[in-house]
Amino acid sequence: MYAIILQAQGNNWSSLVLMVAIIGIFYFFMIRPQQKKAKDQKKFVDEIKKGDYVVTIGGAHGRVAEIEDDTFILEFERGARVKFSKSSVSMESTKAATAPKKTTA
């Protein structure tokens, strides 16, 4: 019984090192990539200009007709125009929609 208590007291440094390692893993594999992704999304939204083809988070595809402060007007086929918030643009979908399509021979 005393041996278990002594072992538990001797592992304080190893427990501390283990906790620091776990926090480091969480930071480098979860927090840091999320911060980078948010920064890239903000940069993408700030660089949207008139005439860009975008896809909203809701799935609406269209070209930017007008840009205001934090909103833009998206123009669809047949002249339909809808106002969206800039934060509703999906960067991943926009890249996928504008990427050249692969053809197989």
C-alpha atoms as a PDB file:
ATOM      1  CA  MET A   1       0.000   0.000   0.000  1.00  0.00           C
ATOM      2  CA  TYR A   2       2.762   2.443   0.905  1.00  0.00           C
ATOM      3  CA  ALA A   3       4.607   1.550  -2.279  1.00  0.00           C
ATOM      4  CA  ILE A   4       1.664   2.783  -4.364  1.00  0.00           C
ATOM      5  CA  ILE A   5       1.510   6.063  -2.449  1.00  0.00           C
ATOM      6  CA  LEU A   6       5.261   6.581  -2.858  1.00  0.00           C
ATOM      7  CA  GLN A   7       5.042   5.861  -6.576  1.00  0.00           C
ATOM      8  CA  ALA A   8       2.200   8.344  -6.974  1.00  0.00           C
ATOM      9  CA  GLN A   9       4.231  11.042  -5.221  1.00  0.00           C
ATOM     10  CA  GLY A  10       7.283  10.367  -7.386  1.00  0.00           C
ATOM     11  CA  ASN A  11       5.366  10.788 -10.645  1.00  0.00           C
ATOM     12  CA  ASN A  12       4.584  14.493 -10.199  1.00  0.00           C
ATOM     13  CA  TRP A  13       7.208  15.552 -12.745  1.00  0.00           C
ATOM     14  CA  SER A  14       6.169  12.947 -15.271  1.00  0.00           C
ATOM     15  CA  SER A  15       2.522  13.956 -14.841  1.00  0.00           C
ATOM     16  CA  LEU A  16       3.442  17.584 -15.384  1.00  0.00           C
ATOM     17  CA  VAL A  17       5.447  16.738 -18.507  1.00  0.00           C
ATOM     18  CA  LEU A  18       2.562  14.638 -19.821  1.00  0.00           C
ATOM     19  CA  MET A  19       0.065  17.473 -19.287  1.00  0.00           C
ATOM     20  CA  VAL A  20       2.351  19.972 -21.060  1.00  0.00           C
ATOM     21  CA  ALA A  21       2.757  17.527 -23.957  1.00  0.00           C
ATOM     22  CA  ILE A  22      -1.016  17.083 -24.265  1.00  0.00           C
ATOM     23  CA  ILE A  23      -1.563  20.855 -24.267  1.00  0.00           C
ATOM     24  CA  GLY A  24       1.148  21.235 -26.931  1.00  0.00           C
ATOM     25  CA  ILE A  25      -0.458  18.569 -29.109  1.00  0.00           C
ATOM     26  CA  PHE A  26      -3.860  20.243 -28.819  1.00  0.00           C
ATOM     27  CA  TYR A  27      -2.358  23.608 -29.755  1.00  0.00           C
ATOM     28  CA  PHE A  28      -0.397  22.424 -32.781  1.00  0.00           C
ATOM     29  CA  PHE A  29      -2.992  20.017 -34.158  1.00  0.00           C
ATOM     30  CA  MET A  30      -6.282  21.735 -33.304  1.00  0.00           C
ATOM     31  CA  ILE A  31      -6.073  25.384 -32.243  1.00  0.00           C
ATOM     32  CA  ARG A  32      -3.364  26.655 -34.595  1.00  0.00           C
ATOM     33  CA  PRO A  33      -4.892  25.181 -37.800  1.00  0.00           C
ATOM     34  CA  GLN A  34      -8.303  26.639 -36.875  1.00  0.00           C
ATOM     35  CA  GLN A  35      -6.751  30.084 -36.388  1.00  0.00           C
ATOM     36  CA  LYS A  36      -4.973  29.798 -39.760  1.00  0.00           C
ATOM     37  CA  LYS A  37      -8.175  28.720 -41.482  1.00  0.00           C
ATOM     38  CA  ALA A  38     -10.119  31.641 -39.971  1.00  0.00           C
ATOM     39  CA  LYS A  39      -7.391  34.074 -41.060  1.00  0.00           C
ATOM     40  CA  ASP A  40      -7.416  32.676 -44.613  1.00  0.00           C
ATOM     41  CA  GLN A  41     -11.233  32.917 -44.756  1.00  0.00           C
ATOM     42  CA  LYS A  42     -11.150  36.554 -43.594  1.00  0.00           C
ATOM     43  CA  LYS A  43      -8.485  37.377 -46.189  1.00  0.00           C
ATOM     44  CA  PHE A  44     -10.557  35.661 -48.894  1.00  0.00           C
ATOM     45  CA  VAL A  45     -13.704  37.601 -47.947  1.00  0.00           C
ATOM     46  CA  ASP A  46     -11.788  40.894 -47.888  1.00  0.00           C
ATOM     47  CA  GLU A  47     -10.429  40.246 -51.406  1.00  0.00           C
ATOM     48  CA  ILE A  48     -13.813  39.585 -53.039  1.00  0.00           C
ATOM     49  CA  LYS A  49     -14.334  41.997 -55.899  1.00  0.00           C
ATOM     50  CA  LYS A  50     -17.022  42.771 -58.442  1.00  0.00           C
ATOM     51  CA  GLY A  51     -17.336  40.034 -61.071  1.00  0.00           C
ATOM     52  CA  ASP A  52     -15.995  37.184 -58.889  1.00  0.00           C
ATOM     53  CA  TYR A  53     -17.846  33.887 -59.020  1.00  0.00           C
ATOM     54  CA  VAL A  54     -18.717  32.795 -55.475  1.00  0.00           C
ATOM     55  CA  VAL A  55     -20.686  30.102 -53.680  1.00  0.00           C
ATOM     56  CA  THR A  56     -22.487  30.917 -50.438  1.00  0.00           C
ATOM     57  CA  ILE A  57     -22.627  28.622 -47.443  1.00  0.00           C
ATOM     58  CA  GLY A  58     -26.261  27.951 -48.329  1.00  0.00           C
ATOM     59  CA  GLY A  59     -25.248  26.762 -51.801  1.00  0.00           C
ATOM     60  CA  ALA A  60     -26.197  29.757 -53.946  1.00  0.00           C
ATOM     61  CA  HIS A  61     -23.883  30.124 -56.978  1.00  0.00           C
ATOM     62  CA  GLY A  62     -23.486  33.460 -58.715  1.00  0.00           C
ATOM     63  CA  ARG A  63     -21.339  36.439 -59.636  1.00  0.00           C
ATOM     64  CA  VAL A  64     -20.787  39.453 -57.410  1.00  0.00           C
ATOM     65  CA  ALA A  65     -22.661  42.404 -58.965  1.00  0.00           C
ATOM     66  CA  GLU A  66     -22.121  45.054 -56.285  1.00  0.00           C
ATOM     67  CA  ILE A  67     -20.123  45.326 -53.068  1.00  0.00           C
ATOM     68  CA  GLU A  68     -21.127  47.385 -50.059  1.00  0.00           C
ATOM     69  CA  ASP A  69     -19.517  47.609 -46.596  1.00  0.00           C
ATOM     70  CA  ASP A  70     -20.184  44.141 -45.189  1.00  0.00           C
ATOM     71  CA  THR A  71     -22.637  42.908 -47.816  1.00  0.00           C
ATOM     72  CA  PHE A  72     -22.643  42.184 -51.515  1.00  0.00           C
ATOM     73  CA  ILE A  73     -25.274  41.617 -54.171  1.00  0.00           C
ATOM     74  CA  LEU A  74     -25.047  38.254 -55.892  1.00  0.00           C
ATOM     75  CA  GLU A  75     -26.406  38.014 -59.436  1.00  0.00           C
ATOM     76  CA  PHE A  76     -27.766  34.710 -60.653  1.00  0.00           C
ATOM     77  CA  GLU A  77     -28.804  33.557 -64.118  1.00  0.00           C
ATOM     78  CA  ARG A  78     -31.671  35.457 -65.703  1.00  0.00           C
ATOM     79  CA  GLY A  79     -30.768  38.622 -63.806  1.00  0.00           C
ATOM     80  CA  ALA A  80     -32.000  37.677 -60.338  1.00  0.00           C
ATOM     81  CA  ARG A  81     -30.130  39.652 -57.655  1.00  0.00           C
ATOM     82  CA  VAL A  82     -29.964  38.832 -53.942  1.00  0.00           C
ATOM     83  CA  LYS A  83     -28.156  40.627 -51.115  1.00  0.00           C
ATOM     84  CA  PHE A  84     -25.859  38.500 -48.925  1.00  0.00           C
ATOM     85  CA  SER A  85     -23.557  39.135 -46.011  1.00  0.00           C
ATOM     86  CA  LYS A  86     -19.858  38.760 -46.838  1.00  0.00           C
ATOM     87  CA  SER A  87     -19.525  36.183 -44.076  1.00  0.00           C
ATOM     88  CA  SER A  88     -21.874  33.851 -45.994  1.00  0.00           C
ATOM     89  CA  VAL A  89     -19.273  33.091 -48.687  1.00  0.00           C
ATOM     90  CA  SER A  90     -17.770  29.616 -48.576  1.00  0.00           C
ATOM     91  CA  MET A  91     -14.109  29.710 -49.565  1.00  0.00           C
ATOM     92  CA  GLU A  92     -13.819  25.952 -50.125  1.00  0.00           C
ATOM     93  CA  SER A  93     -16.887  25.769 -52.347  1.00  0.00           C
ATOM     94  CA  THR A  94     -15.738  28.789 -54.336  1.00  0.00           C
ATOM     95  CA  LYS A  95     -12.348  27.191 -55.011  1.00  0.00           C
ATOM     96  CA  ALA A  96     -13.993  23.912 -55.987  1.00  0.00           C
ATOM     97  CA  ALA A  97     -16.487  25.623 -58.287  1.00  0.00           C
ATOM     98  CA  THR A  98     -13.836  27.658 -60.116  1.00  0.00           C
ATOM     99  CA  ALA A  99     -11.244  24.883 -60.372  1.00  0.00           C
ATOM    100  CA  PRO A 100     -10.697  23.464 -63.876  1.00  0.00           C
ATOM    101  CA  LYS A 101     -12.550  20.205 -64.407  1.00  0.00           C
ATOM    102  CA  LYS A 102     -10.495  17.082 -64.982  1.00  0.00           C
ATOM    103  CA  THR A 103     -11.185  15.160 -68.167  1.00  0.00           C
ATOM    104  CA  THR A 104     -10.399  11.533 -68.672  1.00  0.00           C
ATOM    105  CA  ALA A 105      -9.212  10.239 -71.999  1.00  0.00           C
END
